[in-house]
Amino acid sequence: ALYFGSLDLTPTEVLAATLLRIGQRGFVGKVCMDRNSPSDYSHSADQNVADTLSLLRAVGRMQARQSGAEHGGDDAAEVSAKGQGGGRRRTQATQAKQAKQAT
């Protein structure tokens, strides 16, 4: 699913958190308007970029917290590893935890 949140950061974060909580997979985007809109319903390009980066960080933290809880409290940095090798690190962290518990 594809969701467009709001011009404002907080409601868009709430939307992302709600989707994560209920297990809905999808893309959440913050609406960015810096022209062709009423002056009271627009942000500068700089503000839109700053808010979008903040949204990305917030969603990353949400995913790390949820993954940490799902994986028995594994180190969130290991669990939320992104990019190439992320799954391998997650597997290694899980294997290390299981080996520790077995001893």
N, C-alpha and C. Protein backbone atom coordinates (compact mmCIF):
# COMPACT_ATOMS: atom_id res chain seq x y z
N ALA A 1 0.84 -1.18 0.00
CA ALA A 1 0.00 0.00 0.00
C ALA A 1 0.88 1.24 0.00
N LEU A 2 0.38 2.30 -0.51
CA LEU A 2 1.08 3.58 -0.56
C LEU A 2 0.23 4.61 0.16
N TYR A 3 0.82 5.24 1.18
CA TYR A 3 0.10 6.22 1.97
C TYR A 3 0.82 7.56 1.90
N PHE A 4 0.08 8.61 1.68
CA PHE A 4 0.60 9.96 1.78
C PHE A 4 0.07 10.52 3.09
N GLY A 5 0.98 10.87 3.98
CA GLY A 5 0.57 11.35 5.30
C GLY A 5 0.04 12.76 5.23
N SER A 6 0.73 13.65 5.84
CA SER A 6 0.29 15.03 5.98
C SER A 6 1.47 15.94 5.68
N LEU A 7 1.19 17.21 5.52
CA LEU A 7 2.25 18.19 5.41
C LEU A 7 3.05 18.26 6.71
N ASP A 8 2.37 17.98 7.81
CA ASP A 8 3.01 18.06 9.12
C ASP A 8 3.65 16.73 9.50
N LEU A 9 4.77 16.82 10.17
CA LEU A 9 5.57 15.65 10.52
C LEU A 9 4.87 14.72 11.51
N THR A 10 4.33 15.25 12.58
CA THR A 10 3.78 14.41 13.65
C THR A 10 2.67 13.48 13.17
N PRO A 11 1.67 13.96 12.43
CA PRO A 11 0.64 13.03 11.96
C PRO A 11 1.18 11.95 11.03
N THR A 12 2.20 12.28 10.26
CA THR A 12 2.80 11.29 9.37
C THR A 12 3.54 10.23 10.18
N GLU A 13 4.20 10.64 11.27
CA GLU A 13 4.84 9.67 12.16
C GLU A 13 3.80 8.76 12.81
N VAL A 14 2.67 9.33 13.20
CA VAL A 14 1.60 8.55 13.81
C VAL A 14 1.08 7.52 12.79
N LEU A 15 0.91 7.93 11.55
CA LEU A 15 0.46 7.01 10.51
C LEU A 15 1.44 5.86 10.36
N ALA A 16 2.74 6.15 10.28
CA ALA A 16 3.75 5.10 10.14
C ALA A 16 3.73 4.17 11.35
N ALA A 17 3.63 4.72 12.55
CA ALA A 17 3.60 3.90 13.77
C ALA A 17 2.37 3.00 13.80
N THR A 18 1.24 3.53 13.36
CA THR A 18 0.01 2.75 13.35
C THR A 18 0.13 1.58 12.38
N LEU A 19 0.64 1.84 11.19
CA LEU A 19 0.81 0.76 10.20
C LEU A 19 1.77 -0.30 10.70
N LEU A 20 2.85 0.12 11.33
CA LEU A 20 3.82 -0.83 11.87
C LEU A 20 3.18 -1.67 12.98
N ARG A 21 2.41 -1.02 13.83
CA ARG A 21 1.77 -1.72 14.95
C ARG A 21 0.77 -2.77 14.48
N ILE A 22 0.00 -2.45 13.44
CA ILE A 22 -1.01 -3.41 12.98
C ILE A 22 -0.46 -4.39 11.94
N GLY A 23 0.80 -4.20 11.56
CA GLY A 23 1.43 -5.13 10.63
C GLY A 23 1.13 -4.87 9.16
N GLN A 24 0.67 -3.69 8.83
CA GLN A 24 0.38 -3.33 7.44
C GLN A 24 1.68 -2.91 6.77
N ARG A 25 2.03 -3.62 5.71
CA ARG A 25 3.23 -3.25 4.95
C ARG A 25 2.86 -2.18 3.94
N GLY A 26 3.73 -1.22 3.78
CA GLY A 26 3.45 -0.18 2.81
C GLY A 26 4.49 0.92 2.86
N PHE A 27 4.30 1.89 2.03
CA PHE A 27 5.17 3.05 1.97
C PHE A 27 4.40 4.23 2.54
N VAL A 28 5.03 4.97 3.43
CA VAL A 28 4.43 6.17 4.00
C VAL A 28 5.28 7.35 3.58
N GLY A 29 4.65 8.34 3.01
CA GLY A 29 5.37 9.53 2.59
C GLY A 29 4.80 10.77 3.23
N LYS A 30 5.68 11.70 3.54
CA LYS A 30 5.26 13.00 4.05
C LYS A 30 4.96 13.88 2.86
N VAL A 31 3.85 14.59 2.91
CA VAL A 31 3.51 15.52 1.84
C VAL A 31 4.44 16.72 1.94
N CYS A 32 5.06 17.08 0.84
CA CYS A 32 5.97 18.23 0.82
C CYS A 32 5.44 19.27 -0.17
N MET A 33 5.02 20.39 0.35
CA MET A 33 4.49 21.46 -0.50
C MET A 33 5.24 22.74 -0.18
N ASP A 34 5.87 23.31 -1.19
CA ASP A 34 6.57 24.56 -0.98
C ASP A 34 6.17 25.61 -2.02
N ARG A 35 5.17 25.29 -2.84
CA ARG A 35 4.67 26.27 -3.81
C ARG A 35 3.30 25.83 -4.32
N ASN A 36 2.63 26.72 -5.01
CA ASN A 36 1.31 26.45 -5.57
C ASN A 36 0.32 25.97 -4.51
N SER A 37 0.43 26.53 -3.33
CA SER A 37 -0.49 26.17 -2.25
C SER A 37 -0.66 27.41 -1.36
N PRO A 38 -1.71 27.42 -0.57
CA PRO A 38 -1.91 28.57 0.33
C PRO A 38 -0.71 28.76 1.26
N SER A 39 -0.42 29.98 1.58
CA SER A 39 0.76 30.28 2.41
C SER A 39 0.66 29.64 3.80
N ASP A 40 -0.55 29.43 4.28
CA ASP A 40 -0.69 28.81 5.60
C ASP A 40 -0.68 27.28 5.53
N TYR A 41 -0.51 26.73 4.33
CA TYR A 41 -0.42 25.27 4.19
C TYR A 41 0.74 24.90 3.28
N SER A 42 1.90 25.39 3.64
CA SER A 42 3.12 25.04 2.92
C SER A 42 4.31 25.26 3.83
N HIS A 43 5.37 24.56 3.53
CA HIS A 43 6.63 24.72 4.25
C HIS A 43 7.71 25.02 3.23
N SER A 44 8.80 25.60 3.68
CA SER A 44 9.92 25.86 2.77
C SER A 44 10.54 24.54 2.35
N ALA A 45 11.26 24.56 1.25
CA ALA A 45 11.94 23.35 0.79
C ALA A 45 12.90 22.85 1.87
N ASP A 46 13.60 23.74 2.54
CA ASP A 46 14.53 23.34 3.60
C ASP A 46 13.79 22.65 4.75
N GLN A 47 12.62 23.18 5.12
CA GLN A 47 11.84 22.57 6.20
C GLN A 47 11.33 21.20 5.77
N ASN A 48 10.88 21.07 4.52
CA ASN A 48 10.41 19.78 4.02
C ASN A 48 11.52 18.73 4.04
N VAL A 49 12.72 19.11 3.63
CA VAL A 49 13.85 18.18 3.65
C VAL A 49 14.16 17.77 5.10
N ALA A 50 14.22 18.75 5.99
CA ALA A 50 14.52 18.46 7.40
C ALA A 50 13.47 17.53 8.00
N ASP A 51 12.18 17.81 7.71
CA ASP A 51 11.11 16.97 8.24
C ASP A 51 11.16 15.55 7.65
N THR A 52 11.47 15.44 6.37
CA THR A 52 11.55 14.13 5.74
C THR A 52 12.69 13.31 6.34
N LEU A 53 13.83 13.93 6.57
CA LEU A 53 14.95 13.23 7.21
C LEU A 53 14.58 12.81 8.63
N SER A 54 13.87 13.67 9.34
CA SER A 54 13.42 13.34 10.68
C SER A 54 12.45 12.16 10.65
N LEU A 55 11.54 12.14 9.66
CA LEU A 55 10.61 11.02 9.51
C LEU A 55 11.36 9.72 9.26
N LEU A 56 12.36 9.75 8.41
CA LEU A 56 13.15 8.55 8.13
C LEU A 56 13.82 8.02 9.40
N ARG A 57 14.39 8.91 10.18
CA ARG A 57 15.03 8.50 11.44
C ARG A 57 14.00 7.93 12.41
N ALA A 58 12.83 8.58 12.50
CA ALA A 58 11.79 8.12 13.43
C ALA A 58 11.29 6.73 13.03
N VAL A 59 11.06 6.50 11.74
CA VAL A 59 10.59 5.19 11.30
C VAL A 59 11.67 4.14 11.54
N GLY A 60 12.92 4.49 11.33
CA GLY A 60 14.01 3.55 11.62
C GLY A 60 14.03 3.15 13.09
N ARG A 61 13.82 4.13 13.98
CA ARG A 61 13.77 3.82 15.41
C ARG A 61 12.56 2.93 15.74
N MET A 62 11.42 3.22 15.10
CA MET A 62 10.22 2.40 15.33
C MET A 62 10.48 0.96 14.92
N GLN A 63 11.08 0.78 13.75
CA GLN A 63 11.37 -0.57 13.27
C GLN A 63 12.37 -1.28 14.17
N ALA A 64 13.37 -0.55 14.64
CA ALA A 64 14.37 -1.16 15.52
C ALA A 64 13.74 -1.60 16.83
N ARG A 65 12.87 -0.77 17.38
CA ARG A 65 12.20 -1.15 18.63
C ARG A 65 11.32 -2.37 18.42
N GLN A 66 10.56 -2.39 17.33
CA GLN A 66 9.69 -3.52 17.08
C GLN A 66 10.51 -4.79 16.82
N SER A 67 11.56 -4.68 16.04
CA SER A 67 12.40 -5.84 15.76
C SER A 67 13.08 -6.34 17.02
N GLY A 68 13.52 -5.42 17.87
CA GLY A 68 14.15 -5.82 19.12
C GLY A 68 13.20 -6.58 20.00
N ALA A 69 11.95 -6.15 20.04
CA ALA A 69 10.94 -6.84 20.85
C ALA A 69 10.61 -8.20 20.26
N GLU A 70 10.54 -8.30 18.93
CA GLU A 70 10.21 -9.56 18.28
C GLU A 70 11.33 -10.58 18.39
N HIS A 71 12.56 -10.09 18.56
CA HIS A 71 13.71 -10.99 18.60
C HIS A 71 14.26 -11.12 20.01
N GLY A 72 13.41 -10.98 20.99
CA GLY A 72 13.82 -11.21 22.37
C GLY A 72 14.79 -10.19 22.91
N GLY A 73 14.74 -8.95 22.38
CA GLY A 73 15.60 -7.90 22.92
C GLY A 73 17.00 -7.89 22.32
N ASP A 74 17.19 -8.52 21.16
CA ASP A 74 18.49 -8.44 20.49
C ASP A 74 18.90 -6.99 20.36
N ASP A 75 20.17 -6.76 20.23
CA ASP A 75 20.68 -5.41 20.04
C ASP A 75 19.98 -4.79 18.84
N ALA A 76 19.31 -3.67 19.05
CA ALA A 76 18.52 -3.03 17.99
C ALA A 76 19.39 -2.69 16.78
N ALA A 77 20.64 -2.32 17.01
CA ALA A 77 21.51 -1.99 15.89
C ALA A 77 21.74 -3.21 15.01
N GLU A 78 21.86 -4.38 15.61
CA GLU A 78 22.03 -5.61 14.84
C GLU A 78 20.75 -5.97 14.11
N VAL A 79 19.65 -5.86 14.80
CA VAL A 79 18.38 -6.29 14.23
C VAL A 79 17.94 -5.38 13.11
N SER A 80 18.18 -4.09 13.23
CA SER A 80 17.70 -3.16 12.22
C SER A 80 18.74 -2.86 11.16
N ALA A 81 19.79 -3.67 11.07
CA ALA A 81 20.84 -3.43 10.09
C ALA A 81 20.24 -3.34 8.70
N LYS A 82 20.63 -2.35 7.98
CA LYS A 82 20.10 -2.11 6.65
C LYS A 82 21.16 -2.44 5.61
N GLY A 83 20.68 -2.64 4.39
CA GLY A 83 21.60 -2.82 3.28
C GLY A 83 22.17 -4.22 3.21
N GLN A 84 23.18 -4.37 2.40
CA GLN A 84 23.79 -5.67 2.17
C GLN A 84 24.33 -6.24 3.47
N GLY A 85 24.01 -7.47 3.73
CA GLY A 85 24.50 -8.15 4.92
C GLY A 85 23.62 -7.97 6.14
N GLY A 86 22.57 -7.16 6.05
CA GLY A 86 21.70 -6.92 7.20
C GLY A 86 21.09 -8.21 7.71
N GLY A 87 20.59 -9.04 6.79
CA GLY A 87 20.00 -10.31 7.20
C GLY A 87 21.03 -11.24 7.80
N ARG A 88 22.24 -11.21 7.26
CA ARG A 88 23.32 -12.05 7.77
C ARG A 88 23.68 -11.63 9.20
N ARG A 89 23.77 -10.33 9.46
CA ARG A 89 24.08 -9.86 10.81
C ARG A 89 22.97 -10.25 11.78
N ARG A 90 21.72 -10.14 11.33
CA ARG A 90 20.60 -10.50 12.18
C ARG A 90 20.68 -11.99 12.51
N THR A 91 20.98 -12.81 11.51
CA THR A 91 21.10 -14.25 11.72
C THR A 91 22.25 -14.54 12.68
N GLN A 92 23.37 -13.87 12.50
CA GLN A 92 24.52 -14.08 13.38
C GLN A 92 24.19 -13.69 14.82
N ALA A 93 23.47 -12.59 14.99
CA ALA A 93 23.09 -12.15 16.34
C ALA A 93 22.17 -13.18 16.99
N THR A 94 21.23 -13.70 16.21
CA THR A 94 20.31 -14.71 16.74
C THR A 94 21.05 -15.98 17.09
N GLN A 95 21.96 -16.42 16.22
CA GLN A 95 22.73 -17.64 16.48
C GLN A 95 23.61 -17.47 17.72
N ALA A 96 24.21 -16.31 17.87
CA ALA A 96 25.05 -16.07 19.04
C ALA A 96 24.22 -16.11 20.31
N LYS A 97 23.04 -15.55 20.26
CA LYS A 97 22.17 -15.57 21.43
C LYS A 97 21.74 -16.99 21.77
N GLN A 98 21.39 -17.77 20.75
CA GLN A 98 20.99 -19.16 20.98
C GLN A 98 22.13 -20.00 21.54
N ALA A 99 23.34 -19.78 21.03
CA ALA A 99 24.50 -20.51 21.52
C ALA A 99 24.78 -20.16 22.98
N LYS A 100 24.63 -18.90 23.33
CA LYS A 100 24.84 -18.45 24.71
C LYS A 100 23.82 -19.11 25.64
N GLN A 101 22.56 -19.19 25.19
CA GLN A 101 21.53 -19.80 26.00
C GLN A 101 21.74 -21.30 26.17
N ALA A 102 22.35 -21.95 25.18
CA ALA A 102 22.56 -23.39 25.22
C ALA A 102 23.66 -23.79 26.21
N THR A 103 24.54 -22.84 26.53
CA THR A 103 25.65 -23.17 27.45
C THR A 103 25.29 -22.93 28.89
